Amino acid sequence: YGLYTTRINGQIWFHSVPYTSMSHDSLKAEEYNKLGEHASLGCVRLNVEDAKWVYENLDFNTIIKVYDSEDPGPLGKPQGLKIDVNDKNSGWDPTDSDPDNPWKK
C-alpha cells in the first residue's frame, strides 16, 4: 500500500514508501530508509508529509517535470531521516501527522 497517491502519468505515481496494509502503523521501515535512492519501478516515493502535501495541493492538470541528472539543482539533495528497523515505532513514518504517531509524542 502507498499512502496519498497522486498520478503523474500512466502507471507513474507520487506516493509514500510502501506499507503492508492501509494502517498508518504498518510502514516497511527498510523501504523508508531507501528514500533518496532508486528503489522503484518509476514511481516517486516520498515520506508521508511530502506525499500528503502533493496529494492535497497539486491540481489535476499540474505539469510535473522530471529530469535525470547527477546535479541536484540549486536546493541540493535532501537528506532523509533513517529509522532503526528494530525500534518499536518503526512501523510509523516519523513525518506522519496522524495523532497516534508515537514519533510525535
PDB file of N, CA and C in Angstrom:
ATOM      1  N   TYR A   1       0.840  -1.181   0.000  1.00  0.00           N
ATOM      2  CA  TYR A   1       0.000   0.000   0.000  1.00  0.00           C
ATOM      3  C   TYR A   1       0.884   1.242   0.000  1.00  0.00           C
ATOM      4  N   GLY A   2       0.416   2.287  -0.634  1.00  0.00           N
ATOM      5  CA  GLY A   2       1.064   3.582  -0.588  1.00  0.00           C
ATOM      6  C   GLY A   2       0.051   4.613  -0.127  1.00  0.00           C
ATOM      7  N   LEU A   3       0.441   5.450   0.790  1.00  0.00           N
ATOM      8  CA  LEU A   3      -0.458   6.491   1.277  1.00  0.00           C
ATOM      9  C   LEU A   3      -0.352   7.727   0.389  1.00  0.00           C
ATOM     10  N   TYR A   4      -1.455   8.430   0.219  1.00  0.00           N
ATOM     11  CA  TYR A   4      -1.506   9.691  -0.515  1.00  0.00           C
ATOM     12  C   TYR A   4      -0.911   9.556  -1.918  1.00  0.00           C
ATOM     13  N   THR A   5      -1.541   8.726  -2.738  1.00  0.00           N
ATOM     14  CA  THR A   5      -1.065   8.520  -4.101  1.00  0.00           C
ATOM     15  C   THR A   5      -1.634   9.569  -5.042  1.00  0.00           C
ATOM     16  N   THR A   6      -0.769  10.099  -5.892  1.00  0.00           N
ATOM     17  CA  THR A   6      -1.135  11.094  -6.890  1.00  0.00           C
ATOM     18  C   THR A   6      -0.518  10.678  -8.215  1.00  0.00           C
ATOM     19  N   ARG A   7      -1.345  10.496  -9.240  1.00  0.00           N
ATOM     20  CA  ARG A   7      -0.847  10.052 -10.540  1.00  0.00           C
ATOM     21  C   ARG A   7      -0.033  11.159 -11.214  1.00  0.00           C
ATOM     22  N   ILE A   8       1.129  10.775 -11.717  1.00  0.00           N
ATOM     23  CA  ILE A   8       1.937  11.680 -12.529  1.00  0.00           C
ATOM     24  C   ILE A   8       1.571  11.461 -13.995  1.00  0.00           C
ATOM     25  N   ASN A   9       1.670  10.191 -14.429  1.00  0.00           N
ATOM     26  CA  ASN A   9       1.394   9.853 -15.825  1.00  0.00           C
ATOM     27  C   ASN A   9       1.294   8.336 -15.938  1.00  0.00           C
ATOM     28  N   GLY A  10       0.237   7.843 -16.563  1.00  0.00           N
ATOM     29  CA  GLY A  10       0.107   6.403 -16.751  1.00  0.00           C
ATOM     30  C   GLY A  10       0.174   5.662 -15.429  1.00  0.00           C
ATOM     31  N   GLN A  11       1.169   4.771 -15.305  1.00  0.00           N
ATOM     32  CA  GLN A  11       1.346   3.978 -14.090  1.00  0.00           C
ATOM     33  C   GLN A  11       2.382   4.584 -13.140  1.00  0.00           C
ATOM     34  N   ILE A  12       2.757   5.834 -13.350  1.00  0.00           N
ATOM     35  CA  ILE A  12       3.757   6.503 -12.521  1.00  0.00           C
ATOM     36  C   ILE A  12       3.040   7.422 -11.533  1.00  0.00           C
ATOM     37  N   TRP A  13       3.411   7.284 -10.253  1.00  0.00           N
ATOM     38  CA  TRP A  13       2.709   7.991  -9.181  1.00  0.00           C
ATOM     39  C   TRP A  13       3.698   8.625  -8.205  1.00  0.00           C
ATOM     40  N   PHE A  14       3.252   9.673  -7.508  1.00  0.00           N
ATOM     41  CA  PHE A  14       3.857  10.114  -6.253  1.00  0.00           C
ATOM     42  C   PHE A  14       3.130   9.315  -5.182  1.00  0.00           C
ATOM     43  N   HIS A  15       3.843   8.778  -4.204  1.00  0.00           N
ATOM     44  CA  HIS A  15       3.181   8.109  -3.081  1.00  0.00           C
ATOM     45  C   HIS A  15       4.187   7.927  -1.950  1.00  0.00           C
ATOM     46  N   SER A  16       3.663   7.576  -0.794  1.00  0.00           N
ATOM     47  CA  SER A  16       4.533   7.281   0.346  1.00  0.00           C
ATOM     48  C   SER A  16       5.341   6.025   0.041  1.00  0.00           C
ATOM     49  N   VAL A  17       6.317   5.751   0.877  1.00  0.00           N
ATOM     50  CA  VAL A  17       7.006   4.462   0.771  1.00  0.00           C
ATOM     51  C   VAL A  17       5.983   3.368   1.099  1.00  0.00           C
ATOM     52  N   PRO A  18       6.265   2.116   0.785  1.00  0.00           N
ATOM     53  CA  PRO A  18       5.265   1.059   0.965  1.00  0.00           C
ATOM     54  C   PRO A  18       4.900   0.765   2.428  1.00  0.00           C
ATOM     55  N   TYR A  19       3.647   0.385   2.577  1.00  0.00           N
ATOM     56  CA  TYR A  19       3.079  -0.103   3.838  1.00  0.00           C
ATOM     57  C   TYR A  19       2.560  -1.511   3.584  1.00  0.00           C
ATOM     58  N   THR A  20       2.453  -2.322   4.635  1.00  0.00           N
ATOM     59  CA  THR A  20       1.930  -3.680   4.461  1.00  0.00           C
ATOM     60  C   THR A  20       0.406  -3.718   4.483  1.00  0.00           C
ATOM     61  N   SER A  21      -0.220  -2.626   4.937  1.00  0.00           N
ATOM     62  CA  SER A  21      -1.678  -2.520   4.940  1.00  0.00           C
ATOM     63  C   SER A  21      -2.031  -1.041   4.859  1.00  0.00           C
ATOM     64  N   MET A  22      -3.315  -0.741   4.885  1.00  0.00           N
ATOM     65  CA  MET A  22      -3.735   0.661   4.830  1.00  0.00           C
ATOM     66  C   MET A  22      -3.538   1.376   6.166  1.00  0.00           C
ATOM     67  N   SER A  23      -3.152   0.671   7.178  1.00  0.00           N
ATOM     68  CA  SER A  23      -2.936   1.240   8.506  1.00  0.00           C
ATOM     69  C   SER A  23      -1.647   2.060   8.538  1.00  0.00           C
ATOM     70  N   HIS A  24      -1.696   3.218   9.184  1.00  0.00           N
ATOM     71  CA  HIS A  24      -0.532   4.103   9.256  1.00  0.00           C
ATOM     72  C   HIS A  24       0.611   3.542  10.099  1.00  0.00           C
ATOM     73  N   ASP A  25       0.381   2.446  10.806  1.00  0.00           N
ATOM     74  CA  ASP A  25       1.440   1.866  11.639  1.00  0.00           C
ATOM     75  C   ASP A  25       2.055   0.617  11.009  1.00  0.00           C
ATOM     76  N   SER A  26       1.903   0.475   9.680  1.00  0.00           N
ATOM     77  CA  SER A  26       2.425  -0.718   9.007  1.00  0.00           C
ATOM     78  C   SER A  26       3.500  -0.384   7.965  1.00  0.00           C
ATOM     79  N   LEU A  27       4.240   0.686   8.229  1.00  0.00           N
ATOM     80  CA  LEU A  27       5.320   1.128   7.339  1.00  0.00           C
ATOM     81  C   LEU A  27       6.376   0.044   7.175  1.00  0.00           C
ATOM     82  N   LYS A  28       6.878  -0.149   5.973  1.00  0.00           N
ATOM     83  CA  LYS A  28       8.031  -1.018   5.734  1.00  0.00           C
ATOM     84  C   LYS A  28       9.281  -0.169   5.978  1.00  0.00           C
ATOM     85  N   ALA A  29       9.812  -0.241   7.173  1.00  0.00           N
ATOM     86  CA  ALA A  29      10.924   0.629   7.588  1.00  0.00           C
ATOM     87  C   ALA A  29      12.135   0.494   6.676  1.00  0.00           C
ATOM     88  N   GLU A  30      12.410  -0.717   6.188  1.00  0.00           N
ATOM     89  CA  GLU A  30      13.567  -0.909   5.300  1.00  0.00           C
ATOM     90  C   GLU A  30      13.398  -0.072   4.032  1.00  0.00           C
ATOM     91  N   GLU A  31      12.168   0.038   3.555  1.00  0.00           N
ATOM     92  CA  GLU A  31      11.892   0.836   2.352  1.00  0.00           C
ATOM     93  C   GLU A  31      11.983   2.321   2.655  1.00  0.00           C
ATOM     94  N   TYR A  32      11.539   2.720   3.838  1.00  0.00           N
ATOM     95  CA  TYR A  32      11.639   4.127   4.241  1.00  0.00           C
ATOM     96  C   TYR A  32      13.098   4.575   4.211  1.00  0.00           C
ATOM     97  N   ASN A  33      13.982   3.708   4.652  1.00  0.00           N
ATOM     98  CA  ASN A  33      15.403   4.052   4.709  1.00  0.00           C
ATOM     99  C   ASN A  33      16.044   4.146   3.325  1.00  0.00           C
ATOM    100  N   LYS A  34      15.323   3.784   2.280  1.00  0.00           N
ATOM    101  CA  LYS A  34      15.820   3.912   0.911  1.00  0.00           C
ATOM    102  C   LYS A  34      15.450   5.243   0.263  1.00  0.00           C
ATOM    103  N   LEU A  35      14.717   6.096   0.988  1.00  0.00           N
ATOM    104  CA  LEU A  35      14.353   7.394   0.404  1.00  0.00           C
ATOM    105  C   LEU A  35      15.609   8.105  -0.088  1.00  0.00           C
ATOM    106  N   GLY A  36      15.522   8.652  -1.294  1.00  0.00           N
ATOM    107  CA  GLY A  36      16.669   9.329  -1.901  1.00  0.00           C
ATOM    108  C   GLY A  36      17.487   8.429  -2.801  1.00  0.00           C
ATOM    109  N   GLU A  37      17.147   7.133  -2.840  1.00  0.00           N
ATOM    110  CA  GLU A  37      17.833   6.167  -3.693  1.00  0.00           C
ATOM    111  C   GLU A  37      16.846   5.632  -4.731  1.00  0.00           C
ATOM    112  N   HIS A  38      17.359   5.035  -5.790  1.00  0.00           N
ATOM    113  CA  HIS A  38      16.487   4.366  -6.753  1.00  0.00           C
ATOM    114  C   HIS A  38      15.945   3.103  -6.090  1.00  0.00           C
ATOM    115  N   ALA A  39      14.615   3.046  -5.913  1.00  0.00           N
ATOM    116  CA  ALA A  39      14.022   1.892  -5.225  1.00  0.00           C
ATOM    117  C   ALA A  39      12.634   1.578  -5.766  1.00  0.00           C
ATOM    118  N   SER A  40      12.345   2.041  -6.963  1.00  0.00           N
ATOM    119  CA  SER A  40      11.008   1.877  -7.500  1.00  0.00           C
ATOM    120  C   SER A  40      11.095   1.554  -8.988  1.00  0.00           C
ATOM    121  N   LEU A  41       9.985   1.152  -9.552  1.00  0.00           N
ATOM    122  CA  LEU A  41       9.931   0.888 -10.990  1.00  0.00           C
ATOM    123  C   LEU A  41       9.517   2.128 -11.775  1.00  0.00           C
ATOM    124  N   GLY A  42       9.598   3.285 -11.156  1.00  0.00           N
ATOM    125  CA  GLY A  42       9.271   4.522 -11.848  1.00  0.00           C
ATOM    126  C   GLY A  42       8.514   5.520 -11.003  1.00  0.00           C
ATOM    127  N   CYS A  43       7.837   5.050  -9.963  1.00  0.00           N
ATOM    128  CA  CYS A  43       7.115   5.971  -9.091  1.00  0.00           C
ATOM    129  C   CYS A  43       8.094   6.809  -8.280  1.00  0.00           C
ATOM    130  N   VAL A  44       7.590   7.916  -7.757  1.00  0.00           N
ATOM    131  CA  VAL A  44       8.393   8.777  -6.898  1.00  0.00           C
ATOM    132  C   VAL A  44       7.930   8.544  -5.468  1.00  0.00           C
ATOM    133  N   ARG A  45       8.777   7.893  -4.683  1.00  0.00           N
ATOM    134  CA  ARG A  45       8.458   7.616  -3.283  1.00  0.00           C
ATOM    135  C   ARG A  45       8.812   8.824  -2.428  1.00  0.00           C
ATOM    136  N   LEU A  46       7.925   9.133  -1.497  1.00  0.00           N
ATOM    137  CA  LEU A  46       8.096  10.286  -0.615  1.00  0.00           C
ATOM    138  C   LEU A  46       7.783   9.879   0.817  1.00  0.00           C
ATOM    139  N   ASN A  47       8.241  10.695   1.773  1.00  0.00           N
ATOM    140  CA  ASN A  47       7.774  10.470   3.135  1.00  0.00           C
ATOM    141  C   ASN A  47       6.313  10.903   3.185  1.00  0.00           C
ATOM    142  N   VAL A  48       5.600  10.530   4.224  1.00  0.00           N
ATOM    143  CA  VAL A  48       4.161  10.810   4.308  1.00  0.00           C
ATOM    144  C   VAL A  48       3.880  12.308   4.262  1.00  0.00           C
ATOM    145  N   GLU A  49       4.665  13.095   4.966  1.00  0.00           N
ATOM    146  CA  GLU A  49       4.439  14.542   4.985  1.00  0.00           C
ATOM    147  C   GLU A  49       4.459  15.123   3.565  1.00  0.00           C
ATOM    148  N   ASP A  50       5.440  14.742   2.765  1.00  0.00           N
ATOM    149  CA  ASP A  50       5.553  15.276   1.412  1.00  0.00           C
ATOM    150  C   ASP A  50       4.497  14.683   0.481  1.00  0.00           C
ATOM    151  N   ALA A  51       4.217  13.379   0.603  1.00  0.00           N
ATOM    152  CA  ALA A  51       3.190  12.753  -0.228  1.00  0.00           C
ATOM    153  C   ALA A  51       1.822  13.375   0.049  1.00  0.00           C
ATOM    154  N   LYS A  52       1.547  13.659   1.309  1.00  0.00           N
ATOM    155  CA  LYS A  52       0.273  14.286   1.682  1.00  0.00           C
ATOM    156  C   LYS A  52       0.188  15.696   1.115  1.00  0.00           C
ATOM    157  N   TRP A  53       1.291  16.444   1.154  1.00  0.00           N
ATOM    158  CA  TRP A  53       1.291  17.808   0.607  1.00  0.00           C
ATOM    159  C   TRP A  53       0.993  17.774  -0.888  1.00  0.00           C
ATOM    160  N   VAL A  54       1.652  16.897  -1.625  1.00  0.00           N
ATOM    161  CA  VAL A  54       1.413  16.772  -3.064  1.00  0.00           C
ATOM    162  C   VAL A  54      -0.052  16.413  -3.306  1.00  0.00           C
ATOM    163  N   TYR A  55      -0.559  15.426  -2.586  1.00  0.00           N
ATOM    164  CA  TYR A  55      -1.940  14.950  -2.732  1.00  0.00           C
ATOM    165  C   TYR A  55      -2.953  16.074  -2.491  1.00  0.00           C
ATOM    166  N   GLU A  56      -2.693  16.893  -1.490  1.00  0.00           N
ATOM    167  CA  GLU A  56      -3.646  17.935  -1.115  1.00  0.00           C
ATOM    168  C   GLU A  56      -3.482  19.238  -1.886  1.00  0.00           C
ATOM    169  N   ASN A  57      -2.340  19.449  -2.556  1.00  0.00           N
ATOM    170  CA  ASN A  57      -2.071  20.757  -3.144  1.00  0.00           C
ATOM    171  C   ASN A  57      -1.906  20.806  -4.660  1.00  0.00           C
ATOM    172  N   LEU A  58      -1.633  19.692  -5.320  1.00  0.00           N
ATOM    173  CA  LEU A  58      -1.484  19.734  -6.771  1.00  0.00           C
ATOM    174  C   LEU A  58      -2.838  19.578  -7.442  1.00  0.00           C
ATOM    175  N   ASP A  59      -3.135  20.484  -8.356  1.00  0.00           N
ATOM    176  CA  ASP A  59      -4.356  20.367  -9.141  1.00  0.00           C
ATOM    177  C   ASP A  59      -4.206  19.264 -10.175  1.00  0.00           C
ATOM    178  N   PHE A  60      -5.318  18.792 -10.698  1.00  0.00           N
ATOM    179  CA  PHE A  60      -5.332  17.694 -11.663  1.00  0.00           C
ATOM    180  C   PHE A  60      -4.425  17.968 -12.863  1.00  0.00           C
ATOM    181  N   ASN A  61      -4.391  19.169 -13.375  1.00  0.00           N
ATOM    182  CA  ASN A  61      -3.621  19.484 -14.584  1.00  0.00           C
ATOM    183  C   ASN A  61      -2.255  20.087 -14.297  1.00  0.00           C
ATOM    184  N   THR A  62      -1.745  19.932 -13.086  1.00  0.00           N
ATOM    185  CA  THR A  62      -0.413  20.451 -12.765  1.00  0.00           C
ATOM    186  C   THR A  62       0.631  19.744 -13.626  1.00  0.00           C
ATOM    187  N   ILE A  63       1.520  20.504 -14.226  1.00  0.00           N
ATOM    188  CA  ILE A  63       2.585  19.934 -15.050  1.00  0.00           C
ATOM    189  C   ILE A  63       3.744  19.542 -14.144  1.00  0.00           C
ATOM    190  N   ILE A  64       4.169  18.292 -14.265  1.00  0.00           N
ATOM    191  CA  ILE A  64       5.278  17.760 -13.482  1.00  0.00           C
ATOM    192  C   ILE A  64       6.454  17.561 -14.428  1.00  0.00           C
ATOM    193  N   LYS A  65       7.586  18.162 -14.102  1.00  0.00           N
ATOM    194  CA  LYS A  65       8.794  17.975 -14.904  1.00  0.00           C
ATOM    195  C   LYS A  65       9.757  17.104 -14.116  1.00  0.00           C
ATOM    196  N   VAL A  66      10.137  15.990 -14.702  1.00  0.00           N
ATOM    197  CA  VAL A  66      11.065  15.062 -14.082  1.00  0.00           C
ATOM    198  C   VAL A  66      12.320  15.039 -14.937  1.00  0.00           C
ATOM    199  N   TYR A  67      13.469  15.133 -14.300  1.00  0.00           N
ATOM    200  CA  TYR A  67      14.708  15.074 -15.064  1.00  0.00           C
ATOM    201  C   TYR A  67      15.656  14.084 -14.418  1.00  0.00           C
ATOM    202  N   ASP A  68      16.580  13.601 -15.219  1.00  0.00           N
ATOM    203  CA  ASP A  68      17.553  12.617 -14.766  1.00  0.00           C
ATOM    204  C   ASP A  68      18.924  13.264 -14.840  1.00  0.00           C
ATOM    205  N   SER A  69      19.476  13.605 -13.693  1.00  0.00           N
ATOM    206  CA  SER A  69      20.765  14.290 -13.660  1.00  0.00           C
ATOM    207  C   SER A  69      21.443  14.013 -12.329  1.00  0.00           C
ATOM    208  N   GLU A  70      22.752  13.996 -12.347  1.00  0.00           N
ATOM    209  CA  GLU A  70      23.519  13.897 -11.105  1.00  0.00           C
ATOM    210  C   GLU A  70      23.514  15.229 -10.353  1.00  0.00           C
ATOM    211  N   ASP A  71      23.198  16.322 -11.055  1.00  0.00           N
ATOM    212  CA  ASP A  71      23.141  17.656 -10.457  1.00  0.00           C
ATOM    213  C   ASP A  71      21.828  17.797  -9.690  1.00  0.00           C
ATOM    214  N   PRO A  72      21.868  17.959  -8.371  1.00  0.00           N
ATOM    215  CA  PRO A  72      20.630  18.043  -7.589  1.00  0.00           C
ATOM    216  C   PRO A  72      19.921  19.396  -7.695  1.00  0.00           C
ATOM    217  N   GLY A  73      20.488  20.316  -8.449  1.00  0.00           N
ATOM    218  CA  GLY A  73      19.859  21.620  -8.615  1.00  0.00           C
ATOM    219  C   GLY A  73      20.232  22.578  -7.495  1.00  0.00           C
ATOM    220  N   PRO A  74      19.655  23.766  -7.529  1.00  0.00           N
ATOM    221  CA  PRO A  74      20.066  24.823  -6.587  1.00  0.00           C
ATOM    222  C   PRO A  74      19.735  24.540  -5.123  1.00  0.00           C
ATOM    223  N   LEU A  75      18.771  23.682  -4.857  1.00  0.00           N
ATOM    224  CA  LEU A  75      18.395  23.391  -3.468  1.00  0.00           C
ATOM    225  C   LEU A  75      19.163  22.217  -2.879  1.00  0.00           C
ATOM    226  N   GLY A  76      19.897  21.482  -3.719  1.00  0.00           N
ATOM    227  CA  GLY A  76      20.631  20.327  -3.235  1.00  0.00           C
ATOM    228  C   GLY A  76      19.716  19.132  -3.050  1.00  0.00           C
ATOM    229  N   LYS A  77      20.317  18.018  -2.718  1.00  0.00           N
ATOM    230  CA  LYS A  77      19.556  16.790  -2.487  1.00  0.00           C
ATOM    231  C   LYS A  77      19.198  16.702  -1.011  1.00  0.00           C
ATOM    232  N   PRO A  78      17.909  16.577  -0.693  1.00  0.00           N
ATOM    233  CA  PRO A  78      17.526  16.481   0.721  1.00  0.00           C
ATOM    234  C   PRO A  78      18.075  15.212   1.360  1.00  0.00           C
ATOM    235  N   GLN A  79      18.401  15.303   2.613  1.00  0.00           N
ATOM    236  CA  GLN A  79      18.866  14.140   3.367  1.00  0.00           C
ATOM    237  C   GLN A  79      17.682  13.571   4.138  1.00  0.00           C
ATOM    238  N   GLY A  80      17.339  12.337   3.838  1.00  0.00           N
ATOM    239  CA  GLY A  80      16.212  11.704   4.512  1.00  0.00           C
ATOM    240  C   GLY A  80      16.594  11.197   5.885  1.00  0.00           C
ATOM    241  N   LEU A  81      15.597  11.124   6.741  1.00  0.00           N
ATOM    242  CA  LEU A  81      15.788  10.515   8.051  1.00  0.00           C
ATOM    243  C   LEU A  81      15.955   9.015   7.877  1.00  0.00           C
ATOM    244  N   LYS A  82      16.697   8.398   8.728  1.00  0.00           N
ATOM    245  CA  LYS A  82      16.790   6.936   8.766  1.00  0.00           C
ATOM    246  C   LYS A  82      16.182   6.495  10.091  1.00  0.00           C
ATOM    247  N   ILE A  83      15.457   5.390  10.046  1.00  0.00           N
ATOM    248  CA  ILE A  83      14.881   4.873  11.276  1.00  0.00           C
ATOM    249  C   ILE A  83      15.432   3.478  11.547  1.00  0.00           C
ATOM    250  N   ASP A  84      15.567   3.166  12.794  1.00  0.00           N
ATOM    251  CA  ASP A  84      16.040   1.846  13.214  1.00  0.00           C
ATOM    252  C   ASP A  84      14.916   0.845  12.978  1.00  0.00           C
ATOM    253  N   VAL A  85      15.143  -0.115  12.105  1.00  0.00           N
ATOM    254  CA  VAL A  85      14.086  -1.081  11.773  1.00  0.00           C
ATOM    255  C   VAL A  85      13.686  -1.936  12.966  1.00  0.00           C
ATOM    256  N   ASN A  86      14.496  -1.959  14.007  1.00  0.00           N
ATOM    257  CA  ASN A  86      14.177  -2.732  15.216  1.00  0.00           C
ATOM    258  C   ASN A  86      13.494  -1.892  16.292  1.00  0.00           C
ATOM    259  N   ASP A  87      13.354  -0.601  16.057  1.00  0.00           N
ATOM    260  CA  ASP A  87      12.696   0.277  17.021  1.00  0.00           C
ATOM    261  C   ASP A  87      11.210  -0.076  17.099  1.00  0.00           C
ATOM    262  N   LYS A  88      10.620  -0.004  18.272  1.00  0.00           N
ATOM    263  CA  LYS A  88       9.201  -0.343  18.451  1.00  0.00           C
ATOM    264  C   LYS A  88       8.279   0.580  17.649  1.00  0.00           C
ATOM    265  N   ASN A  89       8.777   1.758  17.260  1.00  0.00           N
ATOM    266  CA  ASN A  89       7.983   2.713  16.490  1.00  0.00           C
ATOM    267  C   ASN A  89       8.258   2.637  14.986  1.00  0.00           C
ATOM    268  N   SER A  90       9.048   1.659  14.553  1.00  0.00           N
ATOM    269  CA  SER A  90       9.493   1.634  13.156  1.00  0.00           C
ATOM    270  C   SER A  90       8.368   1.402  12.145  1.00  0.00           C
ATOM    271  N   GLY A  91       7.193   1.057  12.596  1.00  0.00           N
ATOM    272  CA  GLY A  91       6.051   0.909  11.699  1.00  0.00           C
ATOM    273  C   GLY A  91       5.414   2.226  11.320  1.00  0.00           C
ATOM    274  N   TRP A  92       5.928   3.312  11.870  1.00  0.00           N
ATOM    275  CA  TRP A  92       5.385   4.651  11.618  1.00  0.00           C
ATOM    276  C   TRP A  92       6.402   5.508  10.874  1.00  0.00           C
ATOM    277  N   ASP A  93       5.929   6.307   9.923  1.00  0.00           N
ATOM    278  CA  ASP A  93       6.757   7.327   9.284  1.00  0.00           C
ATOM    279  C   ASP A  93       6.880   8.480  10.282  1.00  0.00           C
ATOM    280  N   PRO A  94       8.097   8.898  10.627  1.00  0.00           N
ATOM    281  CA  PRO A  94       8.254   9.987  11.609  1.00  0.00           C
ATOM    282  C   PRO A  94       7.604  11.299  11.191  1.00  0.00           C
ATOM    283  N   THR A  95       7.352  11.488   9.873  1.00  0.00           N
ATOM    284  CA  THR A  95       6.755  12.741   9.408  1.00  0.00           C
ATOM    285  C   THR A  95       5.232  12.692   9.359  1.00  0.00           C
ATOM    286  N   ASP A  96       4.630  11.544   9.634  1.00  0.00           N
ATOM    287  CA  ASP A  96       3.177  11.380   9.551  1.00  0.00           C
ATOM    288  C   ASP A  96       2.498  12.210  10.638  1.00  0.00           C
ATOM    289  N   SER A  97       1.541  13.058  10.237  1.00  0.00           N
ATOM    290  CA  SER A  97       0.846  13.927  11.199  1.00  0.00           C
ATOM    291  C   SER A  97      -0.286  13.234  11.944  1.00  0.00           C
ATOM    292  N   ASP A  98      -0.488  11.947  11.707  1.00  0.00           N
ATOM    293  CA  ASP A  98      -1.528  11.195  12.409  1.00  0.00           C
ATOM    294  C   ASP A  98      -1.355  11.373  13.921  1.00  0.00           C
ATOM    295  N   PRO A  99      -2.426  11.715  14.652  1.00  0.00           N
ATOM    296  CA  PRO A  99      -2.297  11.941  16.097  1.00  0.00           C
ATOM    297  C   PRO A  99      -1.827  10.718  16.879  1.00  0.00           C
ATOM    298  N   ASP A 100      -1.959   9.528  16.332  1.00  0.00           N
ATOM    299  CA  ASP A 100      -1.498   8.318  17.010  1.00  0.00           C
ATOM    300  C   ASP A 100      -0.023   8.025  16.770  1.00  0.00           C
ATOM    301  N   ASN A 101       0.646   8.827  15.934  1.00  0.00           N
ATOM    302  CA  ASN A 101       2.048   8.584  15.612  1.00  0.00           C
ATOM    303  C   ASN A 101       2.925   8.714  16.866  1.00  0.00           C
ATOM    304  N   PRO A 102       3.563   7.641  17.305  1.00  0.00           N
ATOM    305  CA  PRO A 102       4.374   7.703  18.532  1.00  0.00           C
ATOM    306  C   PRO A 102       5.615   8.587  18.400  1.00  0.00           C
ATOM    307  N   TRP A 103       6.079   8.849  17.175  1.00  0.00           N
ATOM    308  CA  TRP A 103       7.234   9.735  16.981  1.00  0.00           C
ATOM    309  C   TRP A 103       6.877  11.169  17.343  1.00  0.00           C
ATOM    310  N   LYS A 104       5.589  11.510  17.296  1.00  0.00           N
ATOM    311  CA  LYS A 104       5.131  12.888  17.562  1.00  0.00           C
ATOM    312  C   LYS A 104       4.892  13.151  19.045  1.00  0.00           C
ATOM    313  N   LYS A 105       4.994  12.111  19.873  1.00  0.00           N
ATOM    314  CA  LYS A 105       4.693  12.279  21.300  1.00  0.00           C
ATOM    315  C   LYS A 105       5.931  12.596  22.088  1.00  0.00           C
TER     316      LYS A 105
END
